[in-house]
Amino acid sequence: MSAKLVYRFDYIAPKAEVAVFFHGLSDGFTSFSLRVFPGFGTGVSHPVGHVTLRQEEFYRHVDGTMARKLYVHNLAPLNSCAVDVLLFEVPAVH
């Protein structure tokens, strides 16, 4: 199983939360992962990349595909960050 880049947040402000909605996902095993890159902050000589990922909303469409809404929260108090959202997906076997 390999991961593929499905979305990139180029900028998330300090302490901010952003969201993205994915639809048309397989009914099989689906998992998301993040790759975080520390950004910049005024007076921050050593920025930190520190985020959380929440997956709270799940939908099943009439065609059998799934949809998910992801929330990414930048926990760094003083600097921005960029985040890649990676998808691991194994289609369902019927």
PDB file of N, CA and C in Angstrom:
ATOM      1  N   MET A   1       0.851  -1.160   0.000  1.00  0.00           N
ATOM      2  CA  MET A   1       0.000   0.000   0.000  1.00  0.00           C
ATOM      3  C   MET A   1       0.904   1.232   0.000  1.00  0.00           C
ATOM      4  N   SER A   2       0.610   2.164  -0.889  1.00  0.00           N
ATOM      5  CA  SER A   2       1.393   3.394  -0.937  1.00  0.00           C
ATOM      6  C   SER A   2       0.483   4.598  -0.720  1.00  0.00           C
ATOM      7  N   ALA A   3       1.093   5.654  -0.260  1.00  0.00           N
ATOM      8  CA  ALA A   3       0.340   6.878   0.001  1.00  0.00           C
ATOM      9  C   ALA A   3       0.423   7.787  -1.212  1.00  0.00           C
ATOM     10  N   LYS A   4      -0.660   8.529  -1.445  1.00  0.00           N
ATOM     11  CA  LYS A   4      -0.609   9.525  -2.506  1.00  0.00           C
ATOM     12  C   LYS A   4      -1.030  10.874  -1.948  1.00  0.00           C
ATOM     13  N   LEU A   5      -0.383  11.908  -2.449  1.00  0.00           N
ATOM     14  CA  LEU A   5      -0.700  13.270  -2.034  1.00  0.00           C
ATOM     15  C   LEU A   5      -2.040  13.655  -2.651  1.00  0.00           C
ATOM     16  N   VAL A   6      -3.008  14.015  -1.795  1.00  0.00           N
ATOM     17  CA  VAL A   6      -4.340  14.369  -2.300  1.00  0.00           C
ATOM     18  C   VAL A   6      -4.702  15.832  -2.044  1.00  0.00           C
ATOM     19  N   TYR A   7      -3.961  16.506  -1.177  1.00  0.00           N
ATOM     20  CA  TYR A   7      -4.258  17.910  -0.908  1.00  0.00           C
ATOM     21  C   TYR A   7      -3.067  18.546  -0.201  1.00  0.00           C
ATOM     22  N   ARG A   8      -2.888  19.854  -0.422  1.00  0.00           N
ATOM     23  CA  ARG A   8      -1.831  20.581   0.279  1.00  0.00           C
ATOM     24  C   ARG A   8      -2.389  21.903   0.793  1.00  0.00           C
ATOM     25  N   PHE A   9      -2.217  22.112   2.091  1.00  0.00           N
ATOM     26  CA  PHE A   9      -2.487  23.411   2.688  1.00  0.00           C
ATOM     27  C   PHE A   9      -1.164  24.180   2.637  1.00  0.00           C
ATOM     28  N   ASP A  10      -1.090  25.202   1.812  1.00  0.00           N
ATOM     29  CA  ASP A  10       0.159  25.961   1.673  1.00  0.00           C
ATOM     30  C   ASP A  10       0.438  26.852   2.872  1.00  0.00           C
ATOM     31  N   TYR A  11      -0.622  27.249   3.579  1.00  0.00           N
ATOM     32  CA  TYR A  11      -0.433  28.144   4.719  1.00  0.00           C
ATOM     33  C   TYR A  11      -1.549  27.916   5.738  1.00  0.00           C
ATOM     34  N   ILE A  12      -1.147  27.608   6.964  1.00  0.00           N
ATOM     35  CA  ILE A  12      -2.077  27.555   8.090  1.00  0.00           C
ATOM     36  C   ILE A  12      -1.501  28.480   9.157  1.00  0.00           C
ATOM     37  N   ALA A  13      -2.259  29.478   9.531  1.00  0.00           N
ATOM     38  CA  ALA A  13      -1.799  30.469  10.505  1.00  0.00           C
ATOM     39  C   ALA A  13      -1.578  29.823  11.875  1.00  0.00           C
ATOM     40  N   PRO A  14      -0.777  30.458  12.733  1.00  0.00           N
ATOM     41  CA  PRO A  14      -0.575  29.933  14.088  1.00  0.00           C
ATOM     42  C   PRO A  14      -1.910  29.742  14.803  1.00  0.00           C
ATOM     43  N   LYS A  15      -2.071  28.609  15.454  1.00  0.00           N
ATOM     44  CA  LYS A  15      -3.254  28.240  16.241  1.00  0.00           C
ATOM     45  C   LYS A  15      -4.535  28.119  15.408  1.00  0.00           C
ATOM     46  N   ALA A  16      -4.463  28.183  14.094  1.00  0.00           N
ATOM     47  CA  ALA A  16      -5.654  28.136  13.239  1.00  0.00           C
ATOM     48  C   ALA A  16      -6.023  26.700  12.882  1.00  0.00           C
ATOM     49  N   GLU A  17      -7.294  26.524  12.513  1.00  0.00           N
ATOM     50  CA  GLU A  17      -7.789  25.225  12.059  1.00  0.00           C
ATOM     51  C   GLU A  17      -8.397  25.396  10.669  1.00  0.00           C
ATOM     52  N   VAL A  18      -8.126  24.437   9.796  1.00  0.00           N
ATOM     53  CA  VAL A  18      -8.660  24.438   8.433  1.00  0.00           C
ATOM     54  C   VAL A  18      -9.319  23.095   8.176  1.00  0.00           C
ATOM     55  N   ALA A  19     -10.139  23.022   7.121  1.00  0.00           N
ATOM     56  CA  ALA A  19     -10.846  21.777   6.818  1.00  0.00           C
ATOM     57  C   ALA A  19     -10.842  21.532   5.316  1.00  0.00           C
ATOM     58  N   VAL A  20     -10.974  20.263   4.953  1.00  0.00           N
ATOM     59  CA  VAL A  20     -11.101  19.867   3.552  1.00  0.00           C
ATOM     60  C   VAL A  20     -12.057  18.675   3.481  1.00  0.00           C
ATOM     61  N   PHE A  21     -12.825  18.605   2.399  1.00  0.00           N
ATOM     62  CA  PHE A  21     -13.834  17.560   2.211  1.00  0.00           C
ATOM     63  C   PHE A  21     -13.419  16.692   1.028  1.00  0.00           C
ATOM     64  N   PHE A  22     -13.357  15.387   1.235  1.00  0.00           N
ATOM     65  CA  PHE A  22     -13.021  14.434   0.171  1.00  0.00           C
ATOM     66  C   PHE A  22     -14.241  13.587  -0.146  1.00  0.00           C
ATOM     67  N   HIS A  23     -14.541  13.395  -1.432  1.00  0.00           N
ATOM     68  CA  HIS A  23     -15.667  12.543  -1.812  1.00  0.00           C
ATOM     69  C   HIS A  23     -15.214  11.592  -2.907  1.00  0.00           C
ATOM     70  N   GLY A  24     -15.995  10.542  -3.129  1.00  0.00           N
ATOM     71  CA  GLY A  24     -15.656   9.544  -4.135  1.00  0.00           C
ATOM     72  C   GLY A  24     -14.627   8.533  -3.666  1.00  0.00           C
ATOM     73  N   LEU A  25     -14.479   8.378  -2.351  1.00  0.00           N
ATOM     74  CA  LEU A  25     -13.512   7.430  -1.802  1.00  0.00           C
ATOM     75  C   LEU A  25     -14.057   6.007  -1.859  1.00  0.00           C
ATOM     76  N   SER A  26     -13.179   5.059  -1.883  1.00  0.00           N
ATOM     77  CA  SER A  26     -13.553   3.649  -1.900  1.00  0.00           C
ATOM     78  C   SER A  26     -14.286   3.258  -0.628  1.00  0.00           C
ATOM     79  N   ASP A  27     -15.113   2.238  -0.724  1.00  0.00           N
ATOM     80  CA  ASP A  27     -15.813   1.695   0.433  1.00  0.00           C
ATOM     81  C   ASP A  27     -14.895   0.785   1.257  1.00  0.00           C
ATOM     82  N   GLY A  28     -13.673   0.599   0.797  1.00  0.00           N
ATOM     83  CA  GLY A  28     -12.718  -0.251   1.505  1.00  0.00           C
ATOM     84  C   GLY A  28     -11.994   0.503   2.602  1.00  0.00           C
ATOM     85  N   PHE A  29     -10.783   0.088   2.909  1.00  0.00           N
ATOM     86  CA  PHE A  29      -9.972   0.711   3.952  1.00  0.00           C
ATOM     87  C   PHE A  29      -9.431   2.042   3.447  1.00  0.00           C
ATOM     88  N   THR A  30      -9.680   3.107   4.168  1.00  0.00           N
ATOM     89  CA  THR A  30      -9.184   4.435   3.821  1.00  0.00           C
ATOM     90  C   THR A  30      -8.586   5.069   5.063  1.00  0.00           C
ATOM     91  N   SER A  31      -7.374   5.589   4.917  1.00  0.00           N
ATOM     92  CA  SER A  31      -6.706   6.243   6.035  1.00  0.00           C
ATOM     93  C   SER A  31      -5.968   7.468   5.519  1.00  0.00           C
ATOM     94  N   PHE A  32      -5.954   8.508   6.327  1.00  0.00           N
ATOM     95  CA  PHE A  32      -5.237   9.729   5.978  1.00  0.00           C
ATOM     96  C   PHE A  32      -4.060   9.914   6.910  1.00  0.00           C
ATOM     97  N   SER A  33      -3.023  10.540   6.393  1.00  0.00           N
ATOM     98  CA  SER A  33      -1.847  10.874   7.173  1.00  0.00           C
ATOM     99  C   SER A  33      -1.406  12.277   6.763  1.00  0.00           C
ATOM    100  N   LEU A  34      -0.589  12.904   7.581  1.00  0.00           N
ATOM    101  CA  LEU A  34      -0.117  14.253   7.298  1.00  0.00           C
ATOM    102  C   LEU A  34       1.397  14.311   7.255  1.00  0.00           C
ATOM    103  N   ARG A  35       1.881  15.222   6.439  1.00  0.00           N
ATOM    104  CA  ARG A  35       3.302  15.576   6.423  1.00  0.00           C
ATOM    105  C   ARG A  35       3.335  17.081   6.668  1.00  0.00           C
ATOM    106  N   VAL A  36       3.983  17.501   7.743  1.00  0.00           N
ATOM    107  CA  VAL A  36       3.943  18.909   8.150  1.00  0.00           C
ATOM    108  C   VAL A  36       5.294  19.577   7.918  1.00  0.00           C
ATOM    109  N   PHE A  37       5.231  20.848   7.505  1.00  0.00           N
ATOM    110  CA  PHE A  37       6.421  21.657   7.261  1.00  0.00           C
ATOM    111  C   PHE A  37       6.288  22.941   8.064  1.00  0.00           C
ATOM    112  N   PRO A  38       7.228  23.231   8.981  1.00  0.00           N
ATOM    113  CA  PRO A  38       7.130  24.455   9.752  1.00  0.00           C
ATOM    114  C   PRO A  38       7.227  25.677   8.849  1.00  0.00           C
ATOM    115  N   GLY A  39       6.480  26.710   9.190  1.00  0.00           N
ATOM    116  CA  GLY A  39       6.493  27.951   8.418  1.00  0.00           C
ATOM    117  C   GLY A  39       7.301  29.014   9.122  1.00  0.00           C
ATOM    118  N   PHE A  40       6.781  30.235   9.102  1.00  0.00           N
ATOM    119  CA  PHE A  40       7.513  31.360   9.643  1.00  0.00           C
ATOM    120  C   PHE A  40       6.661  32.109  10.657  1.00  0.00           C
ATOM    121  N   GLY A  41       7.337  32.779  11.561  1.00  0.00           N
ATOM    122  CA  GLY A  41       6.664  33.631  12.536  1.00  0.00           C
ATOM    123  C   GLY A  41       7.592  34.759  12.928  1.00  0.00           C
ATOM    124  N   THR A  42       7.053  35.913  13.204  1.00  0.00           N
ATOM    125  CA  THR A  42       7.854  37.070  13.588  1.00  0.00           C
ATOM    126  C   THR A  42       8.637  36.765  14.859  1.00  0.00           C
ATOM    127  N   GLY A  43       9.947  36.877  14.763  1.00  0.00           N
ATOM    128  CA  GLY A  43      10.810  36.646  15.916  1.00  0.00           C
ATOM    129  C   GLY A  43      11.017  35.183  16.270  1.00  0.00           C
ATOM    130  N   VAL A  44      10.551  34.262  15.430  1.00  0.00           N
ATOM    131  CA  VAL A  44      10.701  32.826  15.707  1.00  0.00           C
ATOM    132  C   VAL A  44      11.929  32.320  14.958  1.00  0.00           C
ATOM    133  N   SER A  45      12.994  32.020  15.713  1.00  0.00           N
ATOM    134  CA  SER A  45      14.227  31.557  15.069  1.00  0.00           C
ATOM    135  C   SER A  45      14.209  30.058  14.773  1.00  0.00           C
ATOM    136  N   HIS A  46      13.395  29.293  15.520  1.00  0.00           N
ATOM    137  CA  HIS A  46      13.301  27.846  15.307  1.00  0.00           C
ATOM    138  C   HIS A  46      11.829  27.449  15.254  1.00  0.00           C
ATOM    139  N   PRO A  47      11.176  27.639  14.083  1.00  0.00           N
ATOM    140  CA  PRO A  47       9.753  27.303  13.982  1.00  0.00           C
ATOM    141  C   PRO A  47       9.515  25.809  14.167  1.00  0.00           C
ATOM    142  N   VAL A  48       8.342  25.480  14.661  1.00  0.00           N
ATOM    143  CA  VAL A  48       7.985  24.090  14.939  1.00  0.00           C
ATOM    144  C   VAL A  48       6.851  23.669  14.015  1.00  0.00           C
ATOM    145  N   GLY A  49       6.875  22.419  13.569  1.00  0.00           N
ATOM    146  CA  GLY A  49       5.763  21.841  12.829  1.00  0.00           C
ATOM    147  C   GLY A  49       4.985  20.948  13.779  1.00  0.00           C
ATOM    148  N   HIS A  50       3.800  21.378  14.199  1.00  0.00           N
ATOM    149  CA  HIS A  50       3.041  20.655  15.215  1.00  0.00           C
ATOM    150  C   HIS A  50       1.555  20.805  14.901  1.00  0.00           C
ATOM    151  N   VAL A  51       0.931  19.729  14.435  1.00  0.00           N
ATOM    152  CA  VAL A  51      -0.482  19.782  14.035  1.00  0.00           C
ATOM    153  C   VAL A  51      -1.240  18.566  14.557  1.00  0.00           C
ATOM    154  N   THR A  52      -2.566  18.672  14.553  1.00  0.00           N
ATOM    155  CA  THR A  52      -3.424  17.518  14.830  1.00  0.00           C
ATOM    156  C   THR A  52      -4.359  17.324  13.641  1.00  0.00           C
ATOM    157  N   LEU A  53      -4.828  16.089  13.490  1.00  0.00           N
ATOM    158  CA  LEU A  53      -5.761  15.719  12.430  1.00  0.00           C
ATOM    159  C   LEU A  53      -7.005  15.134  13.069  1.00  0.00           C
ATOM    160  N   ARG A  54      -8.183  15.646  12.676  1.00  0.00           N
ATOM    161  CA  ARG A  54      -9.458  15.081  13.125  1.00  0.00           C
ATOM    162  C   ARG A  54     -10.255  14.650  11.907  1.00  0.00           C
ATOM    163  N   GLN A  55     -10.865  13.479  12.015  1.00  0.00           N
ATOM    164  CA  GLN A  55     -11.780  12.990  10.989  1.00  0.00           C
ATOM    165  C   GLN A  55     -13.116  12.783  11.690  1.00  0.00           C
ATOM    166  N   GLU A  56     -14.046  13.712  11.487  1.00  0.00           N
ATOM    167  CA  GLU A  56     -15.281  13.649  12.263  1.00  0.00           C
ATOM    168  C   GLU A  56     -16.516  13.292  11.460  1.00  0.00           C
ATOM    169  N   GLU A  57     -16.549  13.625  10.194  1.00  0.00           N
ATOM    170  CA  GLU A  57     -17.772  13.441   9.432  1.00  0.00           C
ATOM    171  C   GLU A  57     -17.553  12.416   8.325  1.00  0.00           C
ATOM    172  N   PHE A  58     -18.448  11.423   8.267  1.00  0.00           N
ATOM    173  CA  PHE A  58     -18.374  10.365   7.263  1.00  0.00           C
ATOM    174  C   PHE A  58     -19.718  10.288   6.553  1.00  0.00           C
ATOM    175  N   TYR A  59     -19.679  10.119   5.259  1.00  0.00           N
ATOM    176  CA  TYR A  59     -20.904  10.037   4.465  1.00  0.00           C
ATOM    177  C   TYR A  59     -20.820   8.840   3.522  1.00  0.00           C
ATOM    178  N   ARG A  60     -21.956   8.200   3.273  1.00  0.00           N
ATOM    179  CA  ARG A  60     -22.036   7.165   2.242  1.00  0.00           C
ATOM    180  C   ARG A  60     -22.984   7.680   1.170  1.00  0.00           C
ATOM    181  N   HIS A  61     -22.479   7.756  -0.060  1.00  0.00           N
ATOM    182  CA  HIS A  61     -23.286   8.215  -1.181  1.00  0.00           C
ATOM    183  C   HIS A  61     -24.117   7.050  -1.726  1.00  0.00           C
ATOM    184  N   VAL A  62     -25.147   7.368  -2.497  1.00  0.00           N
ATOM    185  CA  VAL A  62     -26.021   6.328  -3.053  1.00  0.00           C
ATOM    186  C   VAL A  62     -25.281   5.401  -4.023  1.00  0.00           C
ATOM    187  N   ASP A  63     -24.159   5.862  -4.594  1.00  0.00           N
ATOM    188  CA  ASP A  63     -23.386   5.006  -5.497  1.00  0.00           C
ATOM    189  C   ASP A  63     -22.404   4.096  -4.757  1.00  0.00           C
ATOM    190  N   GLY A  64     -22.419   4.114  -3.415  1.00  0.00           N
ATOM    191  CA  GLY A  64     -21.555   3.238  -2.618  1.00  0.00           C
ATOM    192  C   GLY A  64     -20.225   3.843  -2.239  1.00  0.00           C
ATOM    193  N   THR A  65     -19.889   5.005  -2.771  1.00  0.00           N
ATOM    194  CA  THR A  65     -18.622   5.632  -2.395  1.00  0.00           C
ATOM    195  C   THR A  65     -18.771   6.359  -1.061  1.00  0.00           C
ATOM    196  N   MET A  66     -17.638   6.676  -0.478  1.00  0.00           N
ATOM    197  CA  MET A  66     -17.605   7.333   0.824  1.00  0.00           C
ATOM    198  C   MET A  66     -17.081   8.761   0.683  1.00  0.00           C
ATOM    199  N   ALA A  67     -17.410   9.581   1.648  1.00  0.00           N
ATOM    200  CA  ALA A  67     -16.875  10.945   1.735  1.00  0.00           C
ATOM    201  C   ALA A  67     -16.455  11.195   3.178  1.00  0.00           C
ATOM    202  N   ARG A  68     -15.412  12.007   3.331  1.00  0.00           N
ATOM    203  CA  ARG A  68     -14.906  12.319   4.668  1.00  0.00           C
ATOM    204  C   ARG A  68     -14.501  13.771   4.746  1.00  0.00           C
ATOM    205  N   LYS A  69     -14.691  14.358   5.913  1.00  0.00           N
ATOM    206  CA  LYS A  69     -14.241  15.722   6.155  1.00  0.00           C
ATOM    207  C   LYS A  69     -13.117  15.673   7.177  1.00  0.00           C
ATOM    208  N   LEU A  70     -11.996  16.308   6.834  1.00  0.00           N
ATOM    209  CA  LEU A  70     -10.822  16.334   7.695  1.00  0.00           C
ATOM    210  C   LEU A  70     -10.585  17.746   8.206  1.00  0.00           C
ATOM    211  N   TYR A  71     -10.145  17.829   9.450  1.00  0.00           N
ATOM    212  CA  TYR A  71      -9.791  19.099  10.073  1.00  0.00           C
ATOM    213  C   TYR A  71      -8.325  19.024  10.496  1.00  0.00           C
ATOM    214  N   VAL A  72      -7.550  20.053  10.159  1.00  0.00           N
ATOM    215  CA  VAL A  72      -6.139  20.126  10.538  1.00  0.00           C
ATOM    216  C   VAL A  72      -5.956  21.379  11.388  1.00  0.00           C
ATOM    217  N   HIS A  73      -5.391  21.200  12.579  1.00  0.00           N
ATOM    218  CA  HIS A  73      -5.199  22.308  13.523  1.00  0.00           C
ATOM    219  C   HIS A  73      -3.709  22.531  13.727  1.00  0.00           C
ATOM    220  N   ASN A  74      -3.252  23.748  13.459  1.00  0.00           N
ATOM    221  CA  ASN A  74      -1.857  24.123  13.706  1.00  0.00           C
ATOM    222  C   ASN A  74      -1.704  24.423  15.191  1.00  0.00           C
ATOM    223  N   LEU A  75      -0.953  23.610  15.902  1.00  0.00           N
ATOM    224  CA  LEU A  75      -0.761  23.787  17.341  1.00  0.00           C
ATOM    225  C   LEU A  75       0.395  24.723  17.687  1.00  0.00           C
ATOM    226  N   ALA A  76       1.186  25.106  16.692  1.00  0.00           N
ATOM    227  CA  ALA A  76       2.299  26.026  16.953  1.00  0.00           C
ATOM    228  C   ALA A  76       1.736  27.399  17.322  1.00  0.00           C
ATOM    229  N   PRO A  77       2.151  27.952  18.452  1.00  0.00           N
ATOM    230  CA  PRO A  77       1.564  29.215  18.898  1.00  0.00           C
ATOM    231  C   PRO A  77       2.107  30.447  18.182  1.00  0.00           C
ATOM    232  N   LEU A  78       3.280  30.333  17.536  1.00  0.00           N
ATOM    233  CA  LEU A  78       3.916  31.532  16.998  1.00  0.00           C
ATOM    234  C   LEU A  78       4.243  31.475  15.510  1.00  0.00           C
ATOM    235  N   ASN A  79       4.160  30.324  14.881  1.00  0.00           N
ATOM    236  CA  ASN A  79       4.529  30.250  13.467  1.00  0.00           C
ATOM    237  C   ASN A  79       3.488  29.500  12.642  1.00  0.00           C
ATOM    238  N   SER A  80       3.461  29.821  11.368  1.00  0.00           N
ATOM    239  CA  SER A  80       2.575  29.138  10.431  1.00  0.00           C
ATOM    240  C   SER A  80       3.144  27.769  10.089  1.00  0.00           C
ATOM    241  N   CYS A  81       2.399  27.026   9.264  1.00  0.00           N
ATOM    242  CA  CYS A  81       2.908  25.755   8.759  1.00  0.00           C
ATOM    243  C   CYS A  81       2.242  25.457   7.420  1.00  0.00           C
ATOM    244  N   ALA A  82       2.801  24.502   6.707  1.00  0.00           N
ATOM    245  CA  ALA A  82       2.213  23.946   5.495  1.00  0.00           C
ATOM    246  C   ALA A  82       2.010  22.464   5.761  1.00  0.00           C
ATOM    247  N   VAL A  83       0.957  21.874   5.177  1.00  0.00           N
ATOM    248  CA  VAL A  83       0.641  20.472   5.456  1.00  0.00           C
ATOM    249  C   VAL A  83       0.244  19.759   4.167  1.00  0.00           C
ATOM    250  N   ASP A  84       0.849  18.602   3.939  1.00  0.00           N
ATOM    251  CA  ASP A  84       0.427  17.698   2.870  1.00  0.00           C
ATOM    252  C   ASP A  84      -0.511  16.662   3.475  1.00  0.00           C
ATOM    253  N   VAL A  85      -1.647  16.422   2.828  1.00  0.00           N
ATOM    254  CA  VAL A  85      -2.583  15.379   3.244  1.00  0.00           C
ATOM    255  C   VAL A  85      -2.338  14.176   2.335  1.00  0.00           C
ATOM    256  N   LEU A  86      -2.006  13.044   2.940  1.00  0.00           N
ATOM    257  CA  LEU A  86      -1.706  11.813   2.206  1.00  0.00           C
ATOM    258  C   LEU A  86      -2.835  10.810   2.410  1.00  0.00           C
ATOM    259  N   LEU A  87      -3.179  10.084   1.350  1.00  0.00           N
ATOM    260  CA  LEU A  87      -4.255   9.111   1.386  1.00  0.00           C
ATOM    261  C   LEU A  87      -3.707   7.715   1.172  1.00  0.00           C
ATOM    262  N   PHE A  88      -4.088   6.795   2.058  1.00  0.00           N
ATOM    263  CA  PHE A  88      -3.851   5.360   1.899  1.00  0.00           C
ATOM    264  C   PHE A  88      -5.221   4.740   1.643  1.00  0.00           C
ATOM    265  N   GLU A  89      -5.369   4.069   0.521  1.00  0.00           N
ATOM    266  CA  GLU A  89      -6.696   3.539   0.187  1.00  0.00           C
ATOM    267  C   GLU A  89      -6.563   2.131  -0.398  1.00  0.00           C
ATOM    268  N   VAL A  90      -7.343   1.195   0.162  1.00  0.00           N
ATOM    269  CA  VAL A  90      -7.433  -0.181  -0.345  1.00  0.00           C
ATOM    270  C   VAL A  90      -8.895  -0.409  -0.713  1.00  0.00           C
ATOM    271  N   PRO A  91      -9.205  -0.597  -1.983  1.00  0.00           N
ATOM    272  CA  PRO A  91     -10.604  -0.793  -2.399  1.00  0.00           C
ATOM    273  C   PRO A  91     -11.226  -2.024  -1.740  1.00  0.00           C
ATOM    274  N   ALA A  92     -12.532  -1.955  -1.552  1.00  0.00           N
ATOM    275  CA  ALA A  92     -13.280  -3.073  -0.967  1.00  0.00           C
ATOM    276  C   ALA A  92     -13.310  -4.233  -1.940  1.00  0.00           C
ATOM    277  N   VAL A  93     -13.257  -5.436  -1.395  1.00  0.00           N
ATOM    278  CA  VAL A  93     -13.376  -6.656  -2.200  1.00  0.00           C
ATOM    279  C   VAL A  93     -14.741  -7.243  -1.914  1.00  0.00           C
ATOM    280  N   HIS A  94     -15.551  -7.381  -2.950  1.00  0.00           N
ATOM    281  CA  HIS A  94     -16.915  -7.913  -2.763  1.00  0.00           C
ATOM    282  C   HIS A  94     -16.998  -9.315  -3.285  1.00  0.00           C
TER     283      HIS A  94
END
